[in-house]
Amino acid sequence: MNYKFHWKENNAVVTFEGDVKYNDIFLSDGKIYGDSRFDLMTYAIYDFSEVNNLLITEADLKILSVLNISASKWNKKLKVALIITSKNIADVLSIYIQLMEKSSWSIKIFNTREKAFEWTENE
């Protein structure tokens, strides 16, 4: 398991590190969707700034987006902040963002935690 997970009130903060695989993201999402706080969430922050390699395929991204689009039917107004400092990881996750355009969620990339929290908590 290459992630740390915690709740900040009713919101999820996931920090990934090292080599991250599809299953790491899938398991962290499962912790969110399986918790009653999901209905009350206003944001989720996924921090990829400590990731060396994001080992997921485009097929994995399609599966994640289908699962997330299904979840968006239960929580329609979620902000998802992706903290990314690597161009390679940004390129991979930009595919996910495109796939998620069908959802009602607002997804943005940030290069610092401060900017991500500012967007999620203040806008």
N, C-alpha and C. Protein backbone atom coordinates (compact mmCIF):
# COMPACT_ATOMS: atom_id res chain seq x y z
N MET A 1 0.86 -1.18 0.00
CA MET A 1 0.00 0.00 0.00
C MET A 1 0.90 1.23 0.00
N ASN A 2 0.86 1.99 -1.07
CA ASN A 2 1.71 3.16 -1.22
C ASN A 2 0.94 4.46 -1.06
N TYR A 3 0.06 4.51 -0.06
CA TYR A 3 -0.66 5.74 0.19
C TYR A 3 -0.98 5.87 1.67
N LYS A 4 -1.21 7.12 2.05
CA LYS A 4 -1.69 7.46 3.40
C LYS A 4 -3.05 8.13 3.20
N PHE A 5 -3.96 7.80 4.07
CA PHE A 5 -5.34 8.27 3.92
C PHE A 5 -5.78 8.87 5.25
N HIS A 6 -6.44 10.03 5.19
CA HIS A 6 -7.08 10.55 6.39
C HIS A 6 -8.27 11.43 6.02
N TRP A 7 -9.16 11.54 6.98
CA TRP A 7 -10.32 12.40 6.82
C TRP A 7 -10.02 13.75 7.45
N LYS A 8 -10.37 14.81 6.77
CA LYS A 8 -10.32 16.15 7.34
C LYS A 8 -11.78 16.59 7.41
N GLU A 9 -12.35 16.42 8.59
CA GLU A 9 -13.79 16.55 8.79
C GLU A 9 -14.48 15.56 7.86
N ASN A 10 -15.30 16.00 6.93
CA ASN A 10 -16.00 15.08 6.03
C ASN A 10 -15.31 14.93 4.68
N ASN A 11 -14.05 15.34 4.58
CA ASN A 11 -13.34 15.35 3.31
C ASN A 11 -12.11 14.45 3.37
N ALA A 12 -11.78 13.86 2.23
CA ALA A 12 -10.69 12.89 2.17
C ALA A 12 -9.41 13.53 1.63
N VAL A 13 -8.30 13.14 2.26
CA VAL A 13 -6.98 13.55 1.79
C VAL A 13 -6.15 12.27 1.65
N VAL A 14 -5.68 12.04 0.43
CA VAL A 14 -4.90 10.83 0.13
C VAL A 14 -3.54 11.28 -0.39
N THR A 15 -2.49 10.76 0.24
CA THR A 15 -1.13 11.08 -0.18
C THR A 15 -0.46 9.80 -0.68
N PHE A 16 -0.07 9.81 -1.93
CA PHE A 16 0.59 8.66 -2.54
C PHE A 16 2.10 8.87 -2.52
N GLU A 17 2.84 7.75 -2.50
CA GLU A 17 4.30 7.85 -2.53
C GLU A 17 4.91 6.64 -3.21
N GLY A 18 6.11 6.83 -3.71
CA GLY A 18 6.83 5.73 -4.35
C GLY A 18 6.22 5.36 -5.69
N ASP A 19 6.14 4.06 -5.94
CA ASP A 19 5.55 3.54 -7.17
C ASP A 19 4.08 3.22 -6.90
N VAL A 20 3.20 3.91 -7.59
CA VAL A 20 1.76 3.79 -7.36
C VAL A 20 1.12 3.01 -8.50
N LYS A 21 0.33 2.01 -8.12
CA LYS A 21 -0.36 1.16 -9.08
C LYS A 21 -1.86 1.43 -9.03
N TYR A 22 -2.55 0.90 -10.01
CA TYR A 22 -4.01 1.03 -10.08
C TYR A 22 -4.66 0.64 -8.75
N ASN A 23 -4.23 -0.47 -8.18
CA ASN A 23 -4.85 -0.97 -6.96
C ASN A 23 -4.74 0.01 -5.79
N ASP A 24 -3.66 0.79 -5.72
CA ASP A 24 -3.52 1.79 -4.66
C ASP A 24 -4.62 2.84 -4.76
N ILE A 25 -4.87 3.30 -5.98
CA ILE A 25 -5.91 4.31 -6.17
C ILE A 25 -7.29 3.69 -5.95
N PHE A 26 -7.49 2.49 -6.46
CA PHE A 26 -8.77 1.79 -6.30
C PHE A 26 -9.09 1.59 -4.81
N LEU A 27 -8.12 1.15 -4.03
CA LEU A 27 -8.34 0.92 -2.59
C LEU A 27 -8.63 2.22 -1.84
N SER A 28 -7.92 3.28 -2.20
CA SER A 28 -8.17 4.56 -1.52
C SER A 28 -9.56 5.08 -1.86
N ASP A 29 -9.99 4.93 -3.11
CA ASP A 29 -11.35 5.33 -3.49
C ASP A 29 -12.38 4.50 -2.73
N GLY A 30 -12.10 3.22 -2.55
CA GLY A 30 -13.02 2.35 -1.82
C GLY A 30 -13.23 2.80 -0.38
N LYS A 31 -12.17 3.32 0.25
CA LYS A 31 -12.30 3.86 1.61
C LYS A 31 -13.24 5.06 1.63
N ILE A 32 -13.21 5.84 0.56
CA ILE A 32 -14.08 7.02 0.49
C ILE A 32 -15.52 6.60 0.25
N TYR A 33 -15.75 5.82 -0.79
CA TYR A 33 -17.11 5.47 -1.18
C TYR A 33 -17.79 4.57 -0.18
N GLY A 34 -17.02 3.82 0.61
CA GLY A 34 -17.58 2.93 1.59
C GLY A 34 -17.88 3.59 2.93
N ASP A 35 -17.61 4.88 3.03
CA ASP A 35 -17.81 5.60 4.28
C ASP A 35 -19.02 6.52 4.17
N SER A 36 -19.79 6.61 5.24
CA SER A 36 -21.00 7.45 5.21
C SER A 36 -20.67 8.93 5.00
N ARG A 37 -19.45 9.34 5.28
CA ARG A 37 -19.06 10.75 5.07
C ARG A 37 -19.02 11.13 3.59
N PHE A 38 -18.96 10.14 2.70
CA PHE A 38 -18.91 10.44 1.27
C PHE A 38 -20.07 11.33 0.85
N ASP A 39 -21.25 11.09 1.38
CA ASP A 39 -22.42 11.89 1.02
C ASP A 39 -22.26 13.35 1.44
N LEU A 40 -21.43 13.61 2.45
CA LEU A 40 -21.26 14.96 2.99
C LEU A 40 -20.01 15.66 2.48
N MET A 41 -19.19 14.93 1.73
CA MET A 41 -17.93 15.49 1.25
C MET A 41 -18.16 16.67 0.31
N THR A 42 -17.28 17.66 0.43
CA THR A 42 -17.26 18.75 -0.55
C THR A 42 -15.99 18.69 -1.40
N TYR A 43 -14.95 17.99 -0.88
CA TYR A 43 -13.73 17.85 -1.67
C TYR A 43 -12.96 16.59 -1.30
N ALA A 44 -12.09 16.22 -2.24
CA ALA A 44 -11.09 15.17 -2.04
C ALA A 44 -9.78 15.68 -2.61
N ILE A 45 -8.71 15.45 -1.87
CA ILE A 45 -7.38 15.85 -2.33
C ILE A 45 -6.55 14.59 -2.51
N TYR A 46 -5.99 14.46 -3.70
CA TYR A 46 -5.10 13.34 -4.03
C TYR A 46 -3.72 13.94 -4.31
N ASP A 47 -2.78 13.67 -3.42
CA ASP A 47 -1.44 14.24 -3.52
C ASP A 47 -0.49 13.23 -4.17
N PHE A 48 -0.05 13.54 -5.38
CA PHE A 48 0.88 12.69 -6.12
C PHE A 48 2.30 13.28 -6.12
N SER A 49 2.56 14.26 -5.29
CA SER A 49 3.85 14.96 -5.34
C SER A 49 5.03 14.10 -4.90
N GLU A 50 4.78 13.03 -4.16
CA GLU A 50 5.86 12.14 -3.71
C GLU A 50 5.90 10.83 -4.50
N VAL A 51 5.24 10.80 -5.64
CA VAL A 51 5.19 9.59 -6.46
C VAL A 51 6.38 9.55 -7.41
N ASN A 52 7.06 8.42 -7.43
CA ASN A 52 8.17 8.22 -8.37
C ASN A 52 7.65 7.78 -9.73
N ASN A 53 6.75 6.79 -9.71
CA ASN A 53 6.19 6.24 -10.94
C ASN A 53 4.71 5.96 -10.75
N LEU A 54 3.92 6.41 -11.69
CA LEU A 54 2.50 6.12 -11.70
C LEU A 54 2.29 5.00 -12.71
N LEU A 55 2.13 3.79 -12.18
CA LEU A 55 2.12 2.59 -13.01
C LEU A 55 0.70 2.17 -13.33
N ILE A 56 0.01 3.02 -14.09
CA ILE A 56 -1.36 2.70 -14.50
C ILE A 56 -1.48 2.91 -16.01
N THR A 57 -2.36 2.14 -16.57
CA THR A 57 -2.57 2.19 -18.02
C THR A 57 -3.78 3.06 -18.34
N GLU A 58 -3.95 3.33 -19.62
CA GLU A 58 -5.15 4.06 -20.04
C GLU A 58 -6.40 3.24 -19.73
N ALA A 59 -6.32 1.93 -19.85
CA ALA A 59 -7.46 1.06 -19.50
C ALA A 59 -7.79 1.20 -18.01
N ASP A 60 -6.75 1.28 -17.15
CA ASP A 60 -6.98 1.50 -15.72
C ASP A 60 -7.69 2.83 -15.48
N LEU A 61 -7.26 3.86 -16.20
CA LEU A 61 -7.88 5.18 -16.05
C LEU A 61 -9.35 5.15 -16.47
N LYS A 62 -9.65 4.39 -17.49
CA LYS A 62 -11.04 4.27 -17.94
C LYS A 62 -11.89 3.59 -16.87
N ILE A 63 -11.34 2.55 -16.25
CA ILE A 63 -12.07 1.87 -15.18
C ILE A 63 -12.30 2.83 -14.01
N LEU A 64 -11.25 3.53 -13.60
CA LEU A 64 -11.39 4.49 -12.49
C LEU A 64 -12.43 5.55 -12.81
N SER A 65 -12.41 6.05 -14.03
CA SER A 65 -13.37 7.11 -14.39
C SER A 65 -14.80 6.58 -14.39
N VAL A 66 -15.01 5.36 -14.86
CA VAL A 66 -16.37 4.79 -14.84
C VAL A 66 -16.85 4.65 -13.40
N LEU A 67 -15.98 4.15 -12.52
CA LEU A 67 -16.35 4.02 -11.10
C LEU A 67 -16.63 5.39 -10.48
N ASN A 68 -15.79 6.37 -10.80
CA ASN A 68 -15.97 7.70 -10.23
C ASN A 68 -17.20 8.40 -10.79
N ILE A 69 -17.49 8.22 -12.07
CA ILE A 69 -18.70 8.80 -12.64
C ILE A 69 -19.93 8.19 -11.98
N SER A 70 -19.90 6.90 -11.71
CA SER A 70 -21.01 6.27 -10.99
C SER A 70 -21.16 6.87 -9.60
N ALA A 71 -20.04 7.07 -8.91
CA ALA A 71 -20.08 7.66 -7.57
C ALA A 71 -20.58 9.10 -7.60
N SER A 72 -20.34 9.79 -8.71
CA SER A 72 -20.76 11.19 -8.80
C SER A 72 -22.28 11.34 -8.83
N LYS A 73 -22.98 10.26 -9.05
CA LYS A 73 -24.44 10.31 -9.00
C LYS A 73 -24.93 10.44 -7.57
N TRP A 74 -24.10 10.01 -6.60
CA TRP A 74 -24.47 10.10 -5.18
C TRP A 74 -24.00 11.40 -4.55
N ASN A 75 -22.85 11.89 -4.98
CA ASN A 75 -22.33 13.16 -4.50
C ASN A 75 -22.01 13.99 -5.74
N LYS A 76 -22.93 14.88 -6.07
CA LYS A 76 -22.86 15.59 -7.35
C LYS A 76 -21.90 16.78 -7.37
N LYS A 77 -21.59 17.35 -6.23
CA LYS A 77 -20.83 18.60 -6.20
C LYS A 77 -19.48 18.47 -5.52
N LEU A 78 -18.70 17.51 -5.94
CA LEU A 78 -17.40 17.27 -5.33
C LEU A 78 -16.30 17.99 -6.09
N LYS A 79 -15.39 18.59 -5.33
CA LYS A 79 -14.17 19.15 -5.92
C LYS A 79 -13.05 18.14 -5.70
N VAL A 80 -12.32 17.84 -6.75
CA VAL A 80 -11.21 16.90 -6.65
C VAL A 80 -9.94 17.66 -7.04
N ALA A 81 -9.03 17.79 -6.06
CA ALA A 81 -7.76 18.46 -6.30
C ALA A 81 -6.67 17.40 -6.45
N LEU A 82 -5.93 17.49 -7.53
CA LEU A 82 -4.80 16.60 -7.79
C LEU A 82 -3.52 17.40 -7.63
N ILE A 83 -2.68 17.01 -6.68
CA ILE A 83 -1.41 17.70 -6.49
C ILE A 83 -0.34 16.92 -7.25
N ILE A 84 0.23 17.59 -8.24
CA ILE A 84 1.17 16.92 -9.15
C ILE A 84 2.35 17.85 -9.39
N THR A 85 3.56 17.31 -9.24
CA THR A 85 4.75 18.10 -9.51
C THR A 85 5.58 17.54 -10.66
N SER A 86 5.15 16.42 -11.22
CA SER A 86 5.87 15.77 -12.31
C SER A 86 5.07 15.89 -13.61
N LYS A 87 5.74 16.30 -14.67
CA LYS A 87 5.06 16.41 -15.97
C LYS A 87 4.55 15.06 -16.44
N ASN A 88 5.30 13.99 -16.22
CA ASN A 88 4.88 12.66 -16.66
C ASN A 88 3.57 12.25 -15.97
N ILE A 89 3.49 12.49 -14.68
CA ILE A 89 2.28 12.14 -13.94
C ILE A 89 1.13 13.05 -14.36
N ALA A 90 1.41 14.32 -14.59
CA ALA A 90 0.37 15.24 -15.07
C ALA A 90 -0.17 14.78 -16.42
N ASP A 91 0.70 14.32 -17.29
CA ASP A 91 0.26 13.83 -18.61
C ASP A 91 -0.67 12.63 -18.46
N VAL A 92 -0.32 11.71 -17.57
CA VAL A 92 -1.17 10.52 -17.36
C VAL A 92 -2.52 10.93 -16.78
N LEU A 93 -2.49 11.76 -15.76
CA LEU A 93 -3.75 12.12 -15.09
C LEU A 93 -4.61 13.08 -15.90
N SER A 94 -4.02 13.73 -16.89
CA SER A 94 -4.84 14.58 -17.77
C SER A 94 -5.82 13.72 -18.57
N ILE A 95 -5.45 12.48 -18.84
CA ILE A 95 -6.36 11.55 -19.52
C ILE A 95 -7.56 11.28 -18.60
N TYR A 96 -7.29 11.04 -17.32
CA TYR A 96 -8.36 10.83 -16.35
C TYR A 96 -9.30 12.05 -16.30
N ILE A 97 -8.72 13.23 -16.28
CA ILE A 97 -9.54 14.45 -16.22
C ILE A 97 -10.45 14.54 -17.44
N GLN A 98 -9.92 14.23 -18.61
CA GLN A 98 -10.75 14.23 -19.83
C GLN A 98 -11.88 13.22 -19.73
N LEU A 99 -11.58 12.04 -19.21
CA LEU A 99 -12.61 11.01 -19.06
C LEU A 99 -13.68 11.43 -18.06
N MET A 100 -13.30 12.23 -17.08
CA MET A 100 -14.23 12.65 -16.03
C MET A 100 -15.08 13.87 -16.43
N GLU A 101 -14.88 14.38 -17.62
CA GLU A 101 -15.69 15.52 -18.07
C GLU A 101 -17.17 15.18 -18.11
N LYS A 102 -17.50 13.89 -18.16
CA LYS A 102 -18.90 13.45 -18.18
C LYS A 102 -19.54 13.54 -16.79
N SER A 103 -18.75 13.78 -15.78
CA SER A 103 -19.28 13.84 -14.41
C SER A 103 -19.59 15.29 -14.03
N SER A 104 -20.22 15.45 -12.89
CA SER A 104 -20.52 16.78 -12.37
C SER A 104 -19.42 17.30 -11.45
N TRP A 105 -18.37 16.51 -11.26
CA TRP A 105 -17.29 16.92 -10.38
C TRP A 105 -16.38 17.94 -11.04
N SER A 106 -15.81 18.79 -10.21
CA SER A 106 -14.84 19.76 -10.65
C SER A 106 -13.45 19.23 -10.29
N ILE A 107 -12.58 19.07 -11.27
CA ILE A 107 -11.26 18.49 -11.04
C ILE A 107 -10.20 19.46 -11.55
N LYS A 108 -9.21 19.74 -10.67
CA LYS A 108 -8.12 20.63 -11.06
C LYS A 108 -6.80 20.09 -10.57
N ILE A 109 -5.74 20.47 -11.28
CA ILE A 109 -4.37 20.11 -10.92
C ILE A 109 -3.71 21.30 -10.24
N PHE A 110 -2.96 21.00 -9.16
CA PHE A 110 -2.20 22.01 -8.43
C PHE A 110 -0.79 21.49 -8.22
N ASN A 111 0.15 22.42 -8.01
CA ASN A 111 1.52 21.98 -7.77
C ASN A 111 1.92 22.09 -6.30
N THR A 112 1.02 22.58 -5.43
CA THR A 112 1.29 22.62 -4.00
C THR A 112 0.02 22.27 -3.21
N ARG A 113 0.23 21.75 -2.01
CA ARG A 113 -0.89 21.45 -1.11
C ARG A 113 -1.65 22.73 -0.75
N GLU A 114 -0.90 23.80 -0.54
CA GLU A 114 -1.53 25.06 -0.13
C GLU A 114 -2.54 25.53 -1.17
N LYS A 115 -2.15 25.50 -2.43
CA LYS A 115 -3.06 25.93 -3.50
C LYS A 115 -4.26 25.00 -3.60
N ALA A 116 -4.03 23.71 -3.43
CA ALA A 116 -5.12 22.73 -3.50
C ALA A 116 -6.12 22.97 -2.38
N PHE A 117 -5.63 23.15 -1.15
CA PHE A 117 -6.53 23.40 -0.03
C PHE A 117 -7.25 24.74 -0.18
N GLU A 118 -6.56 25.74 -0.69
CA GLU A 118 -7.19 27.05 -0.89
C GLU A 118 -8.38 26.91 -1.85
N TRP A 119 -8.20 26.21 -2.94
CA TRP A 119 -9.28 26.03 -3.91
C TRP A 119 -10.43 25.21 -3.32
N THR A 120 -10.10 24.12 -2.65
CA THR A 120 -11.16 23.23 -2.15
C THR A 120 -11.94 23.86 -1.01
N GLU A 121 -11.30 24.65 -0.19
CA GLU A 121 -11.95 25.18 1.00
C GLU A 121 -12.54 26.57 0.83
N ASN A 122 -12.13 27.31 -0.19
CA ASN A 122 -12.55 28.72 -0.28
C ASN A 122 -13.43 29.09 -1.44
N GLU A 123 -13.36 28.39 -2.52
CA GLU A 123 -14.18 28.81 -3.67
C GLU A 123 -15.58 28.33 -3.55
